Each structure stands twice: as C-alpha cells, then as structure tokens.
Amino acid sequence: MWLQAIFQKLLKQYKETGNIHPRPQFGSPEPKIKGEQLIDLIEIIETHNDATLAELCDLLEEKVQVRVSRATMGRLTQKLNYTVKKKLFTLRKNQVKKFKNSEWNFGQSSEISEYTTWFFWTN
C-alpha cells in the first residue's frame, strides 16, 4: 500500500519534471531585520541602554517601520552580544497614581508604611 503511494508520487514527479531526484527543501524564512536596519538597532540599543525588550521593539518600529516580537528582539540582542537588563526601579501605574496623590504626613496615613517598605525592598 505505501509502496504503491511512493511509486505513484515518483511517477507523477517524473511526468512533471522529467526526473525522480528529490525536490529541494525550503529553508527558513528571511530575517525581518538585516543590513542597515541592524545598524539602526545597534544605535537604538546603545542610546537606550536601559530599555526593555518591548520598548526596543517600539523604538525599532518607529525608526525602520518594521515590527518584531519581544522574542525576536531577545534573539537579536543575543546575536549582537548585547544584554538587555531590567530597570532597577520602576513603579506600576496604580502605584505611581497612589504615590502622586498620597500625602506625606507621616503620622496620618497608613499608606506611608506600604511605600517605605516597598521603596527599601531589594533582592
């Protein structure tokens, strides 16, 4: 049964191409970022050395009009031997809003203890 399928496939290929040699395999897709765009990416990484991968994706899209995923950006930075470190001190949006709206009267608000412990927390 499987032998008959292989024979039919080879016969069809012979009729179409004139030979029964294996067909060429397709390679991987072309990279999205190449040449001059890689140079632009290096400039972006060097000027924004504290940017996250997502921010680098946005900056690259602004400069060369090509959108890549965070995973692709991570692979590109690894190939270029750049490390993208996380920012050491960032506040979440709701924490920033609370921080801006809170009053700094130490005896009156219980929110102060949350912020003082959060600000001095380290790994």
PDB file of N, CA and C in Angstrom:
ATOM      1  N   MET A   1       0.824  -1.186   0.000  1.00  0.00           N
ATOM      2  CA  MET A   1       0.000   0.000   0.000  1.00  0.00           C
ATOM      3  C   MET A   1       0.878   1.264   0.000  1.00  0.00           C
ATOM      4  N   TRP A   2       1.818   1.362   0.952  1.00  0.00           N
ATOM      5  CA  TRP A   2       2.690   2.537   0.986  1.00  0.00           C
ATOM      6  C   TRP A   2       3.646   2.540  -0.202  1.00  0.00           C
ATOM      7  N   LEU A   3       4.021   1.337  -0.680  1.00  0.00           N
ATOM      8  CA  LEU A   3       4.900   1.244  -1.832  1.00  0.00           C
ATOM      9  C   LEU A   3       4.211   1.771  -3.087  1.00  0.00           C
ATOM     10  N   GLN A   4       2.931   1.487  -3.178  1.00  0.00           N
ATOM     11  CA  GLN A   4       2.167   1.974  -4.315  1.00  0.00           C
ATOM     12  C   GLN A   4       2.084   3.506  -4.284  1.00  0.00           C
ATOM     13  N   ALA A   5       1.922   4.098  -3.076  1.00  0.00           N
ATOM     14  CA  ALA A   5       1.849   5.554  -2.948  1.00  0.00           C
ATOM     15  C   ALA A   5       3.177   6.198  -3.352  1.00  0.00           C
ATOM     16  N   ILE A   6       4.284   5.601  -2.930  1.00  0.00           N
ATOM     17  CA  ILE A   6       5.599   6.139  -3.303  1.00  0.00           C
ATOM     18  C   ILE A   6       5.797   6.056  -4.815  1.00  0.00           C
ATOM     19  N   PHE A   7       5.404   4.909  -5.416  1.00  0.00           N
ATOM     20  CA  PHE A   7       5.545   4.736  -6.858  1.00  0.00           C
ATOM     21  C   PHE A   7       4.712   5.769  -7.612  1.00  0.00           C
ATOM     22  N   GLN A   8       3.482   6.006  -7.156  1.00  0.00           N
ATOM     23  CA  GLN A   8       2.624   6.987  -7.823  1.00  0.00           C
ATOM     24  C   GLN A   8       3.213   8.394  -7.701  1.00  0.00           C
ATOM     25  N   LYS A   9       3.771   8.702  -6.544  1.00  0.00           N
ATOM     26  CA  LYS A   9       4.392  10.014  -6.332  1.00  0.00           C
ATOM     27  C   LYS A   9       5.585  10.198  -7.273  1.00  0.00           C
ATOM     28  N   LEU A  10       6.444   9.189  -7.368  1.00  0.00           N
ATOM     29  CA  LEU A  10       7.607   9.276  -8.249  1.00  0.00           C
ATOM     30  C   LEU A  10       7.193   9.366  -9.716  1.00  0.00           C
ATOM     31  N   LEU A  11       6.166   8.611 -10.107  1.00  0.00           N
ATOM     32  CA  LEU A  11       5.669   8.650 -11.486  1.00  0.00           C
ATOM     33  C   LEU A  11       5.125  10.039 -11.813  1.00  0.00           C
ATOM     34  N   LYS A  12       4.369  10.630 -10.885  1.00  0.00           N
ATOM     35  CA  LYS A  12       3.830  11.977 -11.083  1.00  0.00           C
ATOM     36  C   LYS A  12       4.970  12.989 -11.196  1.00  0.00           C
ATOM     37  N   GLN A  13       5.965  12.849 -10.339  1.00  0.00           N
ATOM     38  CA  GLN A  13       7.103  13.769 -10.365  1.00  0.00           C
ATOM     39  C   GLN A  13       7.869  13.631 -11.681  1.00  0.00           C
ATOM     40  N   TYR A  14       8.022  12.405 -12.161  1.00  0.00           N
ATOM     41  CA  TYR A  14       8.725  12.178 -13.425  1.00  0.00           C
ATOM     42  C   TYR A  14       7.983  12.818 -14.590  1.00  0.00           C
ATOM     43  N   LYS A  15       6.664  12.735 -14.571  1.00  0.00           N
ATOM     44  CA  LYS A  15       5.873  13.340 -15.645  1.00  0.00           C
ATOM     45  C   LYS A  15       5.978  14.858 -15.616  1.00  0.00           C
ATOM     46  N   GLU A  16       6.047  15.439 -14.384  1.00  0.00           N
ATOM     47  CA  GLU A  16       6.094  16.901 -14.254  1.00  0.00           C
ATOM     48  C   GLU A  16       7.492  17.470 -14.534  1.00  0.00           C
ATOM     49  N   THR A  17       8.531  16.813 -14.018  1.00  0.00           N
ATOM     50  CA  THR A  17       9.871  17.402 -14.072  1.00  0.00           C
ATOM     51  C   THR A  17      10.826  16.667 -14.988  1.00  0.00           C
ATOM     52  N   GLY A  18      10.560  15.421 -15.306  1.00  0.00           N
ATOM     53  CA  GLY A  18      11.456  14.655 -16.167  1.00  0.00           C
ATOM     54  C   GLY A  18      12.520  13.896 -15.386  1.00  0.00           C
ATOM     55  N   ASN A  19      12.493  13.963 -14.056  1.00  0.00           N
ATOM     56  CA  ASN A  19      13.435  13.184 -13.250  1.00  0.00           C
ATOM     57  C   ASN A  19      12.766  12.793 -11.924  1.00  0.00           C
ATOM     58  N   ILE A  20      13.450  11.898 -11.215  1.00  0.00           N
ATOM     59  CA  ILE A  20      12.901  11.461  -9.931  1.00  0.00           C
ATOM     60  C   ILE A  20      13.815  11.842  -8.759  1.00  0.00           C
ATOM     61  N   HIS A  21      14.659  12.817  -8.976  1.00  0.00           N
ATOM     62  CA  HIS A  21      15.532  13.292  -7.905  1.00  0.00           C
ATOM     63  C   HIS A  21      14.697  13.963  -6.816  1.00  0.00           C
ATOM     64  N   PRO A  22      15.171  13.932  -5.587  1.00  0.00           N
ATOM     65  CA  PRO A  22      14.412  14.582  -4.505  1.00  0.00           C
ATOM     66  C   PRO A  22      14.245  16.070  -4.787  1.00  0.00           C
ATOM     67  N   ARG A  23      13.089  16.578  -4.424  1.00  0.00           N
ATOM     68  CA  ARG A  23      12.827  18.001  -4.617  1.00  0.00           C
ATOM     69  C   ARG A  23      13.612  18.804  -3.583  1.00  0.00           C
ATOM     70  N   PRO A  24      13.984  20.027  -3.930  1.00  0.00           N
ATOM     71  CA  PRO A  24      14.740  20.840  -2.963  1.00  0.00           C
ATOM     72  C   PRO A  24      13.869  21.215  -1.771  1.00  0.00           C
ATOM     73  N   GLN A  25      14.490  21.234  -0.610  1.00  0.00           N
ATOM     74  CA  GLN A  25      13.764  21.631   0.589  1.00  0.00           C
ATOM     75  C   GLN A  25      13.872  23.138   0.743  1.00  0.00           C
ATOM     76  N   PHE A  26      12.815  23.706   1.287  1.00  0.00           N
ATOM     77  CA  PHE A  26      12.812  25.141   1.501  1.00  0.00           C
ATOM     78  C   PHE A  26      13.503  25.455   2.818  1.00  0.00           C
ATOM     79  N   GLY A  27      14.249  26.536   2.845  1.00  0.00           N
ATOM     80  CA  GLY A  27      14.961  26.943   4.053  1.00  0.00           C
ATOM     81  C   GLY A  27      14.079  27.749   4.983  1.00  0.00           C
ATOM     82  N   SER A  28      14.717  28.368   5.937  1.00  0.00           N
ATOM     83  CA  SER A  28      13.990  29.194   6.889  1.00  0.00           C
ATOM     84  C   SER A  28      13.613  30.519   6.234  1.00  0.00           C
ATOM     85  N   PRO A  29      12.614  31.194   6.777  1.00  0.00           N
ATOM     86  CA  PRO A  29      12.205  32.469   6.174  1.00  0.00           C
ATOM     87  C   PRO A  29      13.296  33.530   6.323  1.00  0.00           C
ATOM     88  N   GLU A  30      13.253  34.521   5.456  1.00  0.00           N
ATOM     89  CA  GLU A  30      14.238  35.597   5.500  1.00  0.00           C
ATOM     90  C   GLU A  30      14.083  36.379   6.799  1.00  0.00           C
ATOM     91  N   PRO A  31      15.190  36.843   7.361  1.00  0.00           N
ATOM     92  CA  PRO A  31      15.090  37.639   8.585  1.00  0.00           C
ATOM     93  C   PRO A  31      14.399  38.973   8.322  1.00  0.00           C
ATOM     94  N   LYS A  32      13.634  39.445   9.315  1.00  0.00           N
ATOM     95  CA  LYS A  32      12.940  40.724   9.157  1.00  0.00           C
ATOM     96  C   LYS A  32      13.910  41.898   9.214  1.00  0.00           C
ATOM     97  N   ILE A  33      14.949  41.761  10.029  1.00  0.00           N
ATOM     98  CA  ILE A  33      15.906  42.842  10.228  1.00  0.00           C
ATOM     99  C   ILE A  33      17.237  42.435   9.603  1.00  0.00           C
ATOM    100  N   LYS A  34      17.736  43.243   8.672  1.00  0.00           N
ATOM    101  CA  LYS A  34      19.011  42.925   8.034  1.00  0.00           C
ATOM    102  C   LYS A  34      19.698  44.184   7.563  1.00  0.00           C
ATOM    103  N   GLY A  35      21.003  44.110   7.381  1.00  0.00           N
ATOM    104  CA  GLY A  35      21.789  45.192   6.815  1.00  0.00           C
ATOM    105  C   GLY A  35      21.750  46.480   7.611  1.00  0.00           C
ATOM    106  N   GLU A  36      21.272  47.526   6.956  1.00  0.00           N
ATOM    107  CA  GLU A  36      21.212  48.864   7.550  1.00  0.00           C
ATOM    108  C   GLU A  36      20.310  48.890   8.785  1.00  0.00           C
ATOM    109  N   GLN A  37      19.284  48.057   8.782  1.00  0.00           N
ATOM    110  CA  GLN A  37      18.364  48.012   9.925  1.00  0.00           C
ATOM    111  C   GLN A  37      19.063  47.475  11.173  1.00  0.00           C
ATOM    112  N   LEU A  38      20.008  46.546  10.997  1.00  0.00           N
ATOM    113  CA  LEU A  38      20.771  46.055  12.147  1.00  0.00           C
ATOM    114  C   LEU A  38      21.642  47.153  12.735  1.00  0.00           C
ATOM    115  N   ILE A  39      22.194  47.980  11.879  1.00  0.00           N
ATOM    116  CA  ILE A  39      22.997  49.106  12.359  1.00  0.00           C
ATOM    117  C   ILE A  39      22.115  50.078  13.140  1.00  0.00           C
ATOM    118  N   ASP A  40      20.901  50.316  12.629  1.00  0.00           N
ATOM    119  CA  ASP A  40      19.950  51.168  13.348  1.00  0.00           C
ATOM    120  C   ASP A  40      19.594  50.558  14.709  1.00  0.00           C
ATOM    121  N   LEU A  41      19.433  49.239  14.747  1.00  0.00           N
ATOM    122  CA  LEU A  41      19.115  48.570  16.005  1.00  0.00           C
ATOM    123  C   LEU A  41      20.255  48.730  17.008  1.00  0.00           C
ATOM    124  N   ILE A  42      21.476  48.596  16.554  1.00  0.00           N
ATOM    125  CA  ILE A  42      22.630  48.772  17.452  1.00  0.00           C
ATOM    126  C   ILE A  42      22.648  50.189  18.017  1.00  0.00           C
ATOM    127  N   GLU A  43      22.367  51.179  17.173  1.00  0.00           N
ATOM    128  CA  GLU A  43      22.320  52.564  17.644  1.00  0.00           C
ATOM    129  C   GLU A  43      21.222  52.752  18.682  1.00  0.00           C
ATOM    130  N   ILE A  44      20.066  52.138  18.446  1.00  0.00           N
ATOM    131  CA  ILE A  44      18.951  52.242  19.389  1.00  0.00           C
ATOM    132  C   ILE A  44      19.336  51.619  20.722  1.00  0.00           C
ATOM    133  N   ILE A  45      19.947  50.439  20.685  1.00  0.00           N
ATOM    134  CA  ILE A  45      20.335  49.752  21.917  1.00  0.00           C
ATOM    135  C   ILE A  45      21.361  50.577  22.692  1.00  0.00           C
ATOM    136  N   GLU A  46      22.304  51.170  21.984  1.00  0.00           N
ATOM    137  CA  GLU A  46      23.348  51.940  22.670  1.00  0.00           C
ATOM    138  C   GLU A  46      22.817  53.253  23.238  1.00  0.00           C
ATOM    139  N   THR A  47      21.859  53.872  22.567  1.00  0.00           N
ATOM    140  CA  THR A  47      21.325  55.129  23.090  1.00  0.00           C
ATOM    141  C   THR A  47      20.279  54.907  24.176  1.00  0.00           C
ATOM    142  N   HIS A  48      19.569  53.795  24.130  1.00  0.00           N
ATOM    143  CA  HIS A  48      18.542  53.475  25.128  1.00  0.00           C
ATOM    144  C   HIS A  48      18.952  52.191  25.853  1.00  0.00           C
ATOM    145  N   ASN A  49      20.068  52.229  26.552  1.00  0.00           N
ATOM    146  CA  ASN A  49      20.610  51.005  27.146  1.00  0.00           C
ATOM    147  C   ASN A  49      19.805  50.486  28.333  1.00  0.00           C
ATOM    148  N   ASP A  50      18.858  51.258  28.849  1.00  0.00           N
ATOM    149  CA  ASP A  50      18.033  50.757  29.950  1.00  0.00           C
ATOM    150  C   ASP A  50      16.634  50.352  29.490  1.00  0.00           C
ATOM    151  N   ALA A  51      16.411  50.312  28.176  1.00  0.00           N
ATOM    152  CA  ALA A  51      15.094  49.980  27.640  1.00  0.00           C
ATOM    153  C   ALA A  51      14.826  48.480  27.737  1.00  0.00           C
ATOM    154  N   THR A  52      13.576  48.136  27.946  1.00  0.00           N
ATOM    155  CA  THR A  52      13.172  46.735  27.960  1.00  0.00           C
ATOM    156  C   THR A  52      13.046  46.242  26.513  1.00  0.00           C
ATOM    157  N   LEU A  53      12.849  44.942  26.356  1.00  0.00           N
ATOM    158  CA  LEU A  53      12.702  44.394  25.002  1.00  0.00           C
ATOM    159  C   LEU A  53      11.486  44.981  24.296  1.00  0.00           C
ATOM    160  N   ALA A  54      10.385  45.139  25.024  1.00  0.00           N
ATOM    161  CA  ALA A  54       9.174  45.705  24.420  1.00  0.00           C
ATOM    162  C   ALA A  54       9.422  47.147  23.978  1.00  0.00           C
ATOM    163  N   GLU A  55      10.126  47.911  24.794  1.00  0.00           N
ATOM    164  CA  GLU A  55      10.443  49.292  24.420  1.00  0.00           C
ATOM    165  C   GLU A  55      11.373  49.331  23.218  1.00  0.00           C
ATOM    166  N   LEU A  56      12.326  48.411  23.151  1.00  0.00           N
ATOM    167  CA  LEU A  56      13.212  48.344  21.987  1.00  0.00           C
ATOM    168  C   LEU A  56      12.427  48.013  20.722  1.00  0.00           C
ATOM    169  N   CYS A  57      11.436  47.136  20.844  1.00  0.00           N
ATOM    170  CA  CYS A  57      10.584  46.809  19.689  1.00  0.00           C
ATOM    171  C   CYS A  57       9.863  48.062  19.193  1.00  0.00           C
ATOM    172  N   ASP A  58       9.325  48.852  20.135  1.00  0.00           N
ATOM    173  CA  ASP A  58       8.621  50.079  19.757  1.00  0.00           C
ATOM    174  C   ASP A  58       9.567  51.086  19.109  1.00  0.00           C
ATOM    175  N   LEU A  59      10.753  51.247  19.686  1.00  0.00           N
ATOM    176  CA  LEU A  59      11.734  52.194  19.135  1.00  0.00           C
ATOM    177  C   LEU A  59      12.196  51.775  17.741  1.00  0.00           C
ATOM    178  N   LEU A  60      12.395  50.469  17.561  1.00  0.00           N
ATOM    179  CA  LEU A  60      12.803  49.978  16.238  1.00  0.00           C
ATOM    180  C   LEU A  60      11.702  50.198  15.214  1.00  0.00           C
ATOM    181  N   GLU A  61      10.465  49.970  15.621  1.00  0.00           N
ATOM    182  CA  GLU A  61       9.345  50.180  14.696  1.00  0.00           C
ATOM    183  C   GLU A  61       9.243  51.653  14.296  1.00  0.00           C
ATOM    184  N   GLU A  62       9.478  52.560  15.238  1.00  0.00           N
ATOM    185  CA  GLU A  62       9.443  53.989  14.914  1.00  0.00           C
ATOM    186  C   GLU A  62      10.536  54.354  13.907  1.00  0.00           C
ATOM    187  N   LYS A  63      11.709  53.745  14.060  1.00  0.00           N
ATOM    188  CA  LYS A  63      12.846  54.136  13.220  1.00  0.00           C
ATOM    189  C   LYS A  63      12.844  53.473  11.843  1.00  0.00           C
ATOM    190  N   VAL A  64      12.555  52.154  11.773  1.00  0.00           N
ATOM    191  CA  VAL A  64      12.677  51.456  10.484  1.00  0.00           C
ATOM    192  C   VAL A  64      11.354  50.912   9.953  1.00  0.00           C
ATOM    193  N   GLN A  65      10.244  51.182  10.644  1.00  0.00           N
ATOM    194  CA  GLN A  65       8.904  50.752  10.228  1.00  0.00           C
ATOM    195  C   GLN A  65       8.784  49.238  10.048  1.00  0.00           C
ATOM    196  N   VAL A  66       9.469  48.483  10.912  1.00  0.00           N
ATOM    197  CA  VAL A  66       9.351  47.027  10.913  1.00  0.00           C
ATOM    198  C   VAL A  66       9.049  46.599  12.342  1.00  0.00           C
ATOM    199  N   ARG A  67       7.959  45.845  12.519  1.00  0.00           N
ATOM    200  CA  ARG A  67       7.565  45.406  13.848  1.00  0.00           C
ATOM    201  C   ARG A  67       8.092  43.993  14.089  1.00  0.00           C
ATOM    202  N   VAL A  68       8.786  43.793  15.211  1.00  0.00           N
ATOM    203  CA  VAL A  68       9.246  42.464  15.605  1.00  0.00           C
ATOM    204  C   VAL A  68       8.710  42.170  16.999  1.00  0.00           C
ATOM    205  N   SER A  69       8.633  40.898  17.341  1.00  0.00           N
ATOM    206  CA  SER A  69       8.137  40.499  18.658  1.00  0.00           C
ATOM    207  C   SER A  69       9.242  40.652  19.695  1.00  0.00           C
ATOM    208  N   ARG A  70       8.837  40.554  20.969  1.00  0.00           N
ATOM    209  CA  ARG A  70       9.831  40.628  22.043  1.00  0.00           C
ATOM    210  C   ARG A  70      10.804  39.465  21.953  1.00  0.00           C
ATOM    211  N   ALA A  71      10.303  38.285  21.581  1.00  0.00           N
ATOM    212  CA  ALA A  71      11.171  37.112  21.461  1.00  0.00           C
ATOM    213  C   ALA A  71      12.220  37.329  20.364  1.00  0.00           C
ATOM    214  N   THR A  72      11.784  37.880  19.236  1.00  0.00           N
ATOM    215  CA  THR A  72      12.720  38.173  18.146  1.00  0.00           C
ATOM    216  C   THR A  72      13.754  39.203  18.587  1.00  0.00           C
ATOM    217  N   MET A  73      13.293  40.217  19.320  1.00  0.00           N
ATOM    218  CA  MET A  73      14.224  41.236  19.807  1.00  0.00           C
ATOM    219  C   MET A  73      15.232  40.612  20.769  1.00  0.00           C
ATOM    220  N   GLY A  74      14.779  39.679  21.599  1.00  0.00           N
ATOM    221  CA  GLY A  74      15.695  38.993  22.509  1.00  0.00           C
ATOM    222  C   GLY A  74      16.751  38.195  21.757  1.00  0.00           C
ATOM    223  N   ARG A  75      16.335  37.509  20.695  1.00  0.00           N
ATOM    224  CA  ARG A  75      17.298  36.745  19.889  1.00  0.00           C
ATOM    225  C   ARG A  75      18.280  37.683  19.183  1.00  0.00           C
ATOM    226  N   LEU A  76      17.782  38.808  18.683  1.00  0.00           N
ATOM    227  CA  LEU A  76      18.657  39.765  18.006  1.00  0.00           C
ATOM    228  C   LEU A  76      19.687  40.345  18.970  1.00  0.00           C
ATOM    229  N   THR A  77      19.267  40.705  20.172  1.00  0.00           N
ATOM    230  CA  THR A  77      20.213  41.274  21.131  1.00  0.00           C
ATOM    231  C   THR A  77      21.240  40.233  21.556  1.00  0.00           C
ATOM    232  N   GLN A  78      20.834  38.966  21.649  1.00  0.00           N
ATOM    233  CA  GLN A  78      21.792  37.910  21.974  1.00  0.00           C
ATOM    234  C   GLN A  78      22.808  37.737  20.850  1.00  0.00           C
ATOM    235  N   LYS A  79      22.346  37.745  19.607  1.00  0.00           N
ATOM    236  CA  LYS A  79      23.262  37.587  18.474  1.00  0.00           C
ATOM    237  C   LYS A  79      24.237  38.751  18.374  1.00  0.00           C
ATOM    238  N   LEU A  80      23.784  39.936  18.775  1.00  0.00           N
ATOM    239  CA  LEU A  80      24.647  41.117  18.730  1.00  0.00           C
ATOM    240  C   LEU A  80      25.480  41.264  20.004  1.00  0.00           C
ATOM    241  N   ASN A  81      25.372  40.294  20.907  1.00  0.00           N
ATOM    242  CA  ASN A  81      26.107  40.285  22.181  1.00  0.00           C
ATOM    243  C   ASN A  81      25.796  41.494  23.059  1.00  0.00           C
ATOM    244  N   TYR A  82      24.540  41.902  23.063  1.00  0.00           N
ATOM    245  CA  TYR A  82      24.080  42.947  23.968  1.00  0.00           C
ATOM    246  C   TYR A  82      23.187  42.306  25.013  1.00  0.00           C
ATOM    247  N   THR A  83      23.304  42.772  26.233  1.00  0.00           N
ATOM    248  CA  THR A  83      22.404  42.296  27.271  1.00  0.00           C
ATOM    249  C   THR A  83      21.395  43.385  27.549  1.00  0.00           C
ATOM    250  N   VAL A  84      20.144  42.982  27.670  1.00  0.00           N
ATOM    251  CA  VAL A  84      19.081  43.926  27.987  1.00  0.00           C
ATOM    252  C   VAL A  84      18.690  43.656  29.426  1.00  0.00           C
ATOM    253  N   LYS A  85      19.101  44.559  30.297  1.00  0.00           N
ATOM    254  CA  LYS A  85      18.833  44.377  31.719  1.00  0.00           C
ATOM    255  C   LYS A  85      17.515  45.038  32.077  1.00  0.00           C
ATOM    256  N   LYS A  86      16.880  44.489  33.102  1.00  0.00           N
ATOM    257  CA  LYS A  86      15.645  45.082  33.579  1.00  0.00           C
ATOM    258  C   LYS A  86      15.957  46.375  34.303  1.00  0.00           C
ATOM    259  N   LYS A  87      15.002  47.268  34.304  1.00  0.00           N
ATOM    260  CA  LYS A  87      15.165  48.507  35.045  1.00  0.00           C
ATOM    261  C   LYS A  87      15.162  48.172  36.531  1.00  0.00           C
ATOM    262  N   LEU A  88      16.017  48.820  37.279  1.00  0.00           N
ATOM    263  CA  LEU A  88      16.128  48.517  38.694  1.00  0.00           C
ATOM    264  C   LEU A  88      14.985  49.084  39.506  1.00  0.00           C
ATOM    265  N   PHE A  89      14.440  50.209  39.113  1.00  0.00           N
ATOM    266  CA  PHE A  89      13.421  50.849  39.923  1.00  0.00           C
ATOM    267  C   PHE A  89      12.295  51.326  39.037  1.00  0.00           C
ATOM    268  N   THR A  90      11.184  50.617  39.042  1.00  0.00           N
ATOM    269  CA  THR A  90      10.014  51.037  38.287  1.00  0.00           C
ATOM    270  C   THR A  90       8.799  50.915  39.179  1.00  0.00           C
ATOM    271  N   LEU A  91       7.862  51.797  39.007  1.00  0.00           N
ATOM    272  CA  LEU A  91       6.608  51.751  39.738  1.00  0.00           C
ATOM    273  C   LEU A  91       5.504  51.338  38.786  1.00  0.00           C
ATOM    274  N   ARG A  92       4.565  50.576  39.264  1.00  0.00           N
ATOM    275  CA  ARG A  92       3.408  50.250  38.447  1.00  0.00           C
ATOM    276  C   ARG A  92       2.535  51.485  38.334  1.00  0.00           C
ATOM    277  N   LYS A  93       1.679  51.516  37.329  1.00  0.00           N
ATOM    278  CA  LYS A  93       0.867  52.705  37.087  1.00  0.00           C
ATOM    279  C   LYS A  93       0.002  53.053  38.297  1.00  0.00           C
ATOM    280  N   ASN A  94      -0.647  52.065  38.892  1.00  0.00           N
ATOM    281  CA  ASN A  94      -1.511  52.377  40.030  1.00  0.00           C
ATOM    282  C   ASN A  94      -0.690  52.815  41.234  1.00  0.00           C
ATOM    283  N   GLN A  95       0.525  52.326  41.381  1.00  0.00           N
ATOM    284  CA  GLN A  95       1.365  52.755  42.485  1.00  0.00           C
ATOM    285  C   GLN A  95       1.837  54.183  42.270  1.00  0.00           C
ATOM    286  N   VAL A  96       2.105  54.556  41.019  1.00  0.00           N
ATOM    287  CA  VAL A  96       2.508  55.926  40.722  1.00  0.00           C
ATOM    288  C   VAL A  96       1.355  56.868  41.040  1.00  0.00           C
ATOM    289  N   LYS A  97       0.140  56.463  40.643  1.00  0.00           N
ATOM    290  CA  LYS A  97      -1.028  57.306  40.909  1.00  0.00           C
ATOM    291  C   LYS A  97      -1.209  57.479  42.417  1.00  0.00           C
ATOM    292  N   LYS A  98      -1.116  56.382  43.189  1.00  0.00           N
ATOM    293  CA  LYS A  98      -1.239  56.475  44.644  1.00  0.00           C
ATOM    294  C   LYS A  98      -0.119  57.330  45.218  1.00  0.00           C
ATOM    295  N   PHE A  99       1.065  57.159  44.678  1.00  0.00           N
ATOM    296  CA  PHE A  99       2.224  57.898  45.166  1.00  0.00           C
ATOM    297  C   PHE A  99       2.043  59.398  44.942  1.00  0.00           C
ATOM    298  N   LYS A 100       1.547  59.770  43.772  1.00  0.00           N
ATOM    299  CA  LYS A 100       1.359  61.186  43.469  1.00  0.00           C
ATOM    300  C   LYS A 100       0.228  61.784  44.305  1.00  0.00           C
ATOM    301  N   ASN A 101      -0.822  60.991  44.556  1.00  0.00           N
ATOM    302  CA  ASN A 101      -1.985  61.506  45.271  1.00  0.00           C
ATOM    303  C   ASN A 101      -1.841  61.406  46.787  1.00  0.00           C
ATOM    304  N   SER A 102      -0.913  60.656  47.284  1.00  0.00           N
ATOM    305  CA  SER A 102      -0.800  60.474  48.730  1.00  0.00           C
ATOM    306  C   SER A 102      -0.191  61.703  49.382  1.00  0.00           C
ATOM    307  N   GLU A 103      -0.540  61.884  50.641  1.00  0.00           N
ATOM    308  CA  GLU A 103       0.020  62.990  51.403  1.00  0.00           C
ATOM    309  C   GLU A 103       1.163  62.446  52.232  1.00  0.00           C
ATOM    310  N   TRP A 104       2.196  63.221  52.389  1.00  0.00           N
ATOM    311  CA  TRP A 104       3.375  62.772  53.107  1.00  0.00           C
ATOM    312  C   TRP A 104       3.365  63.238  54.560  1.00  0.00           C
ATOM    313  N   ASN A 105       2.234  63.106  55.223  1.00  0.00           N
ATOM    314  CA  ASN A 105       2.149  63.381  56.658  1.00  0.00           C
ATOM    315  C   ASN A 105       2.360  62.048  57.359  1.00  0.00           C
ATOM    316  N   PHE A 106       3.512  61.851  57.950  1.00  0.00           N
ATOM    317  CA  PHE A 106       3.903  60.537  58.440  1.00  0.00           C
ATOM    318  C   PHE A 106       2.985  59.974  59.512  1.00  0.00           C
ATOM    319  N   GLY A 107       2.337  60.799  60.322  1.00  0.00           N
ATOM    320  CA  GLY A 107       1.515  60.254  61.391  1.00  0.00           C
ATOM    321  C   GLY A 107       0.094  59.983  60.992  1.00  0.00           C
ATOM    322  N   GLN A 108      -0.353  60.415  59.813  1.00  0.00           N
ATOM    323  CA  GLN A 108      -1.768  60.382  59.497  1.00  0.00           C
ATOM    324  C   GLN A 108      -2.169  59.268  58.528  1.00  0.00           C
ATOM    325  N   SER A 109      -1.293  58.780  57.696  1.00  0.00           N
ATOM    326  CA  SER A 109      -1.696  57.848  56.643  1.00  0.00           C
ATOM    327  C   SER A 109      -1.035  56.496  56.837  1.00  0.00           C
ATOM    328  N   SER A 110      -1.825  55.427  56.645  1.00  0.00           N
ATOM    329  CA  SER A 110      -1.255  54.084  56.740  1.00  0.00           C
ATOM    330  C   SER A 110      -0.568  53.690  55.433  1.00  0.00           C
ATOM    331  N   GLU A 111      -0.788  54.458  54.336  1.00  0.00           N
ATOM    332  CA  GLU A 111      -0.156  54.156  53.056  1.00  0.00           C
ATOM    333  C   GLU A 111       1.348  54.366  53.109  1.00  0.00           C
ATOM    334  N   ILE A 112       1.814  55.226  54.006  1.00  0.00           N
ATOM    335  CA  ILE A 112       3.229  55.541  54.083  1.00  0.00           C
ATOM    336  C   ILE A 112       4.042  54.290  54.392  1.00  0.00           C
ATOM    337  N   SER A 113       3.554  53.442  55.290  1.00  0.00           N
ATOM    338  CA  SER A 113       4.313  52.241  55.639  1.00  0.00           C
ATOM    339  C   SER A 113       4.431  51.308  54.439  1.00  0.00           C
ATOM    340  N   GLU A 114       3.372  51.249  53.600  1.00  0.00           N
ATOM    341  CA  GLU A 114       3.460  50.426  52.388  1.00  0.00           C
ATOM    342  C   GLU A 114       4.573  50.933  51.484  1.00  0.00           C
ATOM    343  N   TYR A 115       4.627  52.248  51.292  1.00  0.00           N
ATOM    344  CA  TYR A 115       5.623  52.806  50.399  1.00  0.00           C
ATOM    345  C   TYR A 115       7.027  52.706  50.969  1.00  0.00           C
ATOM    346  N   THR A 116       7.178  52.910  52.254  1.00  0.00           N
ATOM    347  CA  THR A 116       8.525  52.843  52.803  1.00  0.00           C
ATOM    348  C   THR A 116       9.057  51.430  52.719  1.00  0.00           C
ATOM    349  N   THR A 117       8.220  50.430  52.986  1.00  0.00           N
ATOM    350  CA  THR A 117       8.711  49.061  52.857  1.00  0.00           C
ATOM    351  C   THR A 117       8.939  48.720  51.393  1.00  0.00           C
ATOM    352  N   TRP A 118       8.114  49.250  50.502  1.00  0.00           N
ATOM    353  CA  TRP A 118       8.283  48.935  49.084  1.00  0.00           C
ATOM    354  C   TRP A 118       9.538  49.595  48.551  1.00  0.00           C
ATOM    355  N   PHE A 119       9.790  50.855  48.938  1.00  0.00           N
ATOM    356  CA  PHE A 119      10.938  51.570  48.423  1.00  0.00           C
ATOM    357  C   PHE A 119      12.260  50.952  48.894  1.00  0.00           C
ATOM    358  N   PHE A 120      12.283  50.391  50.078  1.00  0.00           N
ATOM    359  CA  PHE A 120      13.527  49.854  50.600  1.00  0.00           C
ATOM    360  C   PHE A 120      13.683  48.359  50.363  1.00  0.00           C
ATOM    361  N   TRP A 121      12.746  47.769  49.635  1.00  0.00           N
ATOM    362  CA  TRP A 121      12.812  46.343  49.342  1.00  0.00           C
ATOM    363  C   TRP A 121      13.837  46.106  48.248  1.00  0.00           C
ATOM    364  N   THR A 122      14.739  45.173  48.475  1.00  0.00           N
ATOM    365  CA  THR A 122      15.754  44.839  47.471  1.00  0.00           C
ATOM    366  C   THR A 122      15.880  43.337  47.360  1.00  0.00           C
ATOM    367  N   ASN A 123      16.474  42.909  46.276  1.00  0.00           N
ATOM    368  CA  ASN A 123      16.713  41.461  46.106  1.00  0.00           C
ATOM    369  C   ASN A 123      18.012  41.076  46.752  1.00  0.00           C
TER     370      ASN A 123
END
